[in-house]
């Protein structure tokens, strides 16, 4: 993909996340996607995202910056939502949470095949306690 195509692809990925479209997200992930320090596979990624949305049904991502180099994306995002559902055993607090996320993705054939991200459940839990 050309850099402009990669940027358009990433916008589609971000829009899919913000629509909370699990089926659409599945189509943007390689079935065996590798994630640094997290269980591999699209199903594990979708399960983690489902857990996030259960605790934060209005969660949204906002792009701060995207850098493209060949088949890789470096992204800085801001994510946030209101804690109105149970999240990792923590009952709803109604607090708004906002976190910074930095990620590196490698994309092949229009799907993420490798990911390394800083947005994790521990950062979100820390914001609730």
C-alpha atoms as a PDB file:
ATOM      1  CA  UNK A   1       0.000   0.000   0.000  1.00  0.00           C
ATOM      2  CA  UNK A   2       1.080   3.548  -0.682  1.00  0.00           C
ATOM      3  CA  UNK A   3       1.359   5.827   2.397  1.00  0.00           C
ATOM      4  CA  UNK A   4      -1.901   7.633   1.529  1.00  0.00           C
ATOM      5  CA  UNK A   5      -3.667   4.257   1.195  1.00  0.00           C
ATOM      6  CA  UNK A   6      -2.286   3.162   4.554  1.00  0.00           C
ATOM      7  CA  UNK A   7      -3.613   6.371   6.157  1.00  0.00           C
ATOM      8  CA  UNK A   8      -7.042   5.751   4.602  1.00  0.00           C
ATOM      9  CA  UNK A   9      -6.921   2.150   5.805  1.00  0.00           C
ATOM     10  CA  UNK A  10      -6.121   3.322   9.333  1.00  0.00           C
ATOM     11  CA  UNK A  11      -9.042   5.770   9.270  1.00  0.00           C
ATOM     12  CA  UNK A  12     -11.324   2.875   8.319  1.00  0.00           C
ATOM     13  CA  UNK A  13      -9.871   0.862  11.220  1.00  0.00           C
ATOM     14  CA  UNK A  14     -10.462   3.750  13.646  1.00  0.00           C
ATOM     15  CA  UNK A  15     -14.013   4.313  12.342  1.00  0.00           C
ATOM     16  CA  UNK A  16     -14.719   0.595  12.803  1.00  0.00           C
ATOM     17  CA  UNK A  17     -13.503   0.750  16.411  1.00  0.00           C
ATOM     18  CA  UNK A  18     -15.616   3.825  17.107  1.00  0.00           C
ATOM     19  CA  UNK A  19     -18.735   2.188  15.611  1.00  0.00           C
ATOM     20  CA  UNK A  20     -18.072  -0.738  17.953  1.00  0.00           C
ATOM     21  CA  UNK A  21     -18.353  -3.000  14.899  1.00  0.00           C
ATOM     22  CA  UNK A  22     -16.910  -6.348  15.964  1.00  0.00           C
ATOM     23  CA  UNK A  23     -17.592  -8.048  12.638  1.00  0.00           C
ATOM     24  CA  UNK A  24     -15.934  -5.199  10.763  1.00  0.00           C
ATOM     25  CA  UNK A  25     -12.985  -5.279  13.153  1.00  0.00           C
ATOM     26  CA  UNK A  26     -12.559  -9.025  12.591  1.00  0.00           C
ATOM     27  CA  UNK A  27     -12.126  -8.289   8.881  1.00  0.00           C
ATOM     28  CA  UNK A  28      -9.261  -5.881   9.617  1.00  0.00           C
ATOM     29  CA  UNK A  29      -7.311  -8.339  11.786  1.00  0.00           C
ATOM     30  CA  UNK A  30      -5.326 -11.339  10.619  1.00  0.00           C
ATOM     31  CA  UNK A  31      -6.779 -14.455  12.287  1.00  0.00           C
ATOM     32  CA  UNK A  32      -3.373 -15.131  13.888  1.00  0.00           C
ATOM     33  CA  UNK A  33      -2.465 -11.495  14.662  1.00  0.00           C
ATOM     34  CA  UNK A  34       0.442 -11.292  17.092  1.00  0.00           C
ATOM     35  CA  UNK A  35       0.152  -8.836  19.981  1.00  0.00           C
ATOM     36  CA  UNK A  36       3.083  -7.917  22.200  1.00  0.00           C
ATOM     37  CA  UNK A  37       2.587  -9.203  25.757  1.00  0.00           C
ATOM     38  CA  UNK A  38      -1.028 -10.254  25.034  1.00  0.00           C
ATOM     39  CA  UNK A  39      -2.646 -13.439  23.769  1.00  0.00           C
ATOM     40  CA  UNK A  40      -2.362 -13.785  19.987  1.00  0.00           C
ATOM     41  CA  UNK A  41      -5.217 -14.092  17.536  1.00  0.00           C
ATOM     42  CA  UNK A  42      -8.151 -12.040  16.334  1.00  0.00           C
ATOM     43  CA  UNK A  43     -10.520 -13.747  18.774  1.00  0.00           C
ATOM     44  CA  UNK A  44      -8.379 -12.690  21.767  1.00  0.00           C
ATOM     45  CA  UNK A  45      -8.255  -9.106  20.435  1.00  0.00           C
ATOM     46  CA  UNK A  46     -12.036  -9.066  19.930  1.00  0.00           C
ATOM     47  CA  UNK A  47     -12.610 -10.481  23.415  1.00  0.00           C
ATOM     48  CA  UNK A  48     -10.461  -7.747  24.976  1.00  0.00           C
ATOM     49  CA  UNK A  49     -12.289  -5.081  22.962  1.00  0.00           C
ATOM     50  CA  UNK A  50     -15.643  -6.523  24.005  1.00  0.00           C
ATOM     51  CA  UNK A  51     -14.548  -6.330  27.668  1.00  0.00           C
ATOM     52  CA  UNK A  52     -13.617  -2.672  27.187  1.00  0.00           C
ATOM     53  CA  UNK A  53     -16.985  -1.875  25.602  1.00  0.00           C
ATOM     54  CA  UNK A  54     -18.839  -3.725  28.357  1.00  0.00           C
ATOM     55  CA  UNK A  55     -17.305  -1.396  30.942  1.00  0.00           C
ATOM     56  CA  UNK A  56     -17.317   1.697  28.707  1.00  0.00           C
ATOM     57  CA  UNK A  57     -20.204   1.454  26.200  1.00  0.00           C
ATOM     58  CA  UNK A  58     -19.506   4.946  24.829  1.00  0.00           C
ATOM     59  CA  UNK A  59     -15.735   4.424  24.355  1.00  0.00           C
ATOM     60  CA  UNK A  60     -14.277   6.423  21.445  1.00  0.00           C
ATOM     61  CA  UNK A  61     -10.815   6.807  19.948  1.00  0.00           C
ATOM     62  CA  UNK A  62      -9.432  10.069  18.582  1.00  0.00           C
ATOM     63  CA  UNK A  63      -6.412  10.166  16.298  1.00  0.00           C
ATOM     64  CA  UNK A  64      -3.627  12.483  17.407  1.00  0.00           C
ATOM     65  CA  UNK A  65      -0.920  11.425  14.955  1.00  0.00           C
ATOM     66  CA  UNK A  66      -0.226   8.673  12.413  1.00  0.00           C
ATOM     67  CA  UNK A  67       3.128   7.931  10.813  1.00  0.00           C
ATOM     68  CA  UNK A  68       3.479   5.482   7.938  1.00  0.00           C
ATOM     69  CA  UNK A  69       6.614   3.642   6.880  1.00  0.00           C
ATOM     70  CA  UNK A  70       6.199   0.878   4.309  1.00  0.00           C
ATOM     71  CA  UNK A  71       3.880  -1.728   5.910  1.00  0.00           C
ATOM     72  CA  UNK A  72       3.994  -0.189   9.399  1.00  0.00           C
ATOM     73  CA  UNK A  73       1.941   2.395  11.234  1.00  0.00           C
ATOM     74  CA  UNK A  74       2.977   4.316  14.339  1.00  0.00           C
ATOM     75  CA  UNK A  75      -0.057   5.905  15.952  1.00  0.00           C
ATOM     76  CA  UNK A  76      -0.822   8.159  18.885  1.00  0.00           C
ATOM     77  CA  UNK A  77      -4.453   8.046  19.967  1.00  0.00           C
ATOM     78  CA  UNK A  78      -6.591   9.304  22.814  1.00  0.00           C
ATOM     79  CA  UNK A  79      -9.324   6.987  24.072  1.00  0.00           C
ATOM     80  CA  UNK A  80     -12.062   7.599  26.550  1.00  0.00           C
ATOM     81  CA  UNK A  81     -15.519   6.912  27.829  1.00  0.00           C
ATOM     82  CA  UNK A  82     -17.738   6.753  30.900  1.00  0.00           C
ATOM     83  CA  UNK A  83     -17.405   3.736  33.193  1.00  0.00           C
ATOM     84  CA  UNK A  84     -21.041   2.597  33.272  1.00  0.00           C
ATOM     85  CA  UNK A  85     -20.564  -1.179  33.188  1.00  0.00           C
ATOM     86  CA  UNK A  86     -18.447  -3.727  35.025  1.00  0.00           C
ATOM     87  CA  UNK A  87     -14.846  -3.593  33.822  1.00  0.00           C
ATOM     88  CA  UNK A  88     -12.447  -6.320  35.002  1.00  0.00           C
ATOM     89  CA  UNK A  89     -14.476  -6.832  38.152  1.00  0.00           C
ATOM     90  CA  UNK A  90     -14.788  -3.127  38.983  1.00  0.00           C
ATOM     91  CA  UNK A  91     -18.428  -2.065  39.323  1.00  0.00           C
ATOM     92  CA  UNK A  92     -19.508   1.080  37.457  1.00  0.00           C
ATOM     93  CA  UNK A  93     -18.119   4.283  38.938  1.00  0.00           C
ATOM     94  CA  UNK A  94     -19.646   6.646  36.345  1.00  0.00           C
ATOM     95  CA  UNK A  95     -16.179   8.244  36.055  1.00  0.00           C
ATOM     96  CA  UNK A  96     -14.966   9.420  32.668  1.00  0.00           C
ATOM     97  CA  UNK A  97     -11.643   7.880  31.745  1.00  0.00           C
ATOM     98  CA  UNK A  98      -9.230   9.247  29.170  1.00  0.00           C
ATOM     99  CA  UNK A  99      -6.002   7.491  28.243  1.00  0.00           C
ATOM    100  CA  UNK A 100      -3.199   8.064  25.776  1.00  0.00           C
ATOM    101  CA  UNK A 101      -2.367   5.167  23.507  1.00  0.00           C
ATOM    102  CA  UNK A 102       0.734   4.614  21.423  1.00  0.00           C
ATOM    103  CA  UNK A 103       0.775   1.699  19.023  1.00  0.00           C
ATOM    104  CA  UNK A 104       2.794   0.125  16.259  1.00  0.00           C
ATOM    105  CA  UNK A 105       0.970  -1.973  13.681  1.00  0.00           C
ATOM    106  CA  UNK A 106       2.235  -4.029  10.767  1.00  0.00           C
ATOM    107  CA  UNK A 107      -0.364  -4.433   8.036  1.00  0.00           C
ATOM    108  CA  UNK A 108      -0.377  -7.080   5.293  1.00  0.00           C
ATOM    109  CA  UNK A 109      -3.154  -7.564   2.744  1.00  0.00           C
ATOM    110  CA  UNK A 110      -5.328  -5.002   4.534  1.00  0.00           C
ATOM    111  CA  UNK A 111      -5.138  -6.740   7.930  1.00  0.00           C
ATOM    112  CA  UNK A 112      -3.123  -6.132  11.084  1.00  0.00           C
ATOM    113  CA  UNK A 113      -0.648  -8.987  11.469  1.00  0.00           C
ATOM    114  CA  UNK A 114       1.408  -7.551  14.361  1.00  0.00           C
ATOM    115  CA  UNK A 115       0.536  -5.057  17.078  1.00  0.00           C
ATOM    116  CA  UNK A 116       2.279  -3.495  20.031  1.00  0.00           C
ATOM    117  CA  UNK A 117       0.184  -1.064  22.091  1.00  0.00           C
ATOM    118  CA  UNK A 118       0.404   0.831  25.351  1.00  0.00           C
ATOM    119  CA  UNK A 119      -3.343   1.009  26.034  1.00  0.00           C
ATOM    120  CA  UNK A 120      -4.051  -1.823  28.392  1.00  0.00           C
ATOM    121  CA  UNK A 121      -6.520  -2.821  31.057  1.00  0.00           C
ATOM    122  CA  UNK A 122      -4.038  -1.903  33.829  1.00  0.00           C
ATOM    123  CA  UNK A 123      -3.904   1.747  32.701  1.00  0.00           C
ATOM    124  CA  UNK A 124      -7.690   1.922  32.601  1.00  0.00           C
ATOM    125  CA  UNK A 125      -8.053   0.196  35.985  1.00  0.00           C
ATOM    126  CA  UNK A 126      -5.563   2.646  37.500  1.00  0.00           C
ATOM    127  CA  UNK A 127      -7.722   5.542  36.294  1.00  0.00           C
ATOM    128  CA  UNK A 128     -10.731   4.055  38.106  1.00  0.00           C
ATOM    129  CA  UNK A 129      -9.129   3.402  41.476  1.00  0.00           C
END
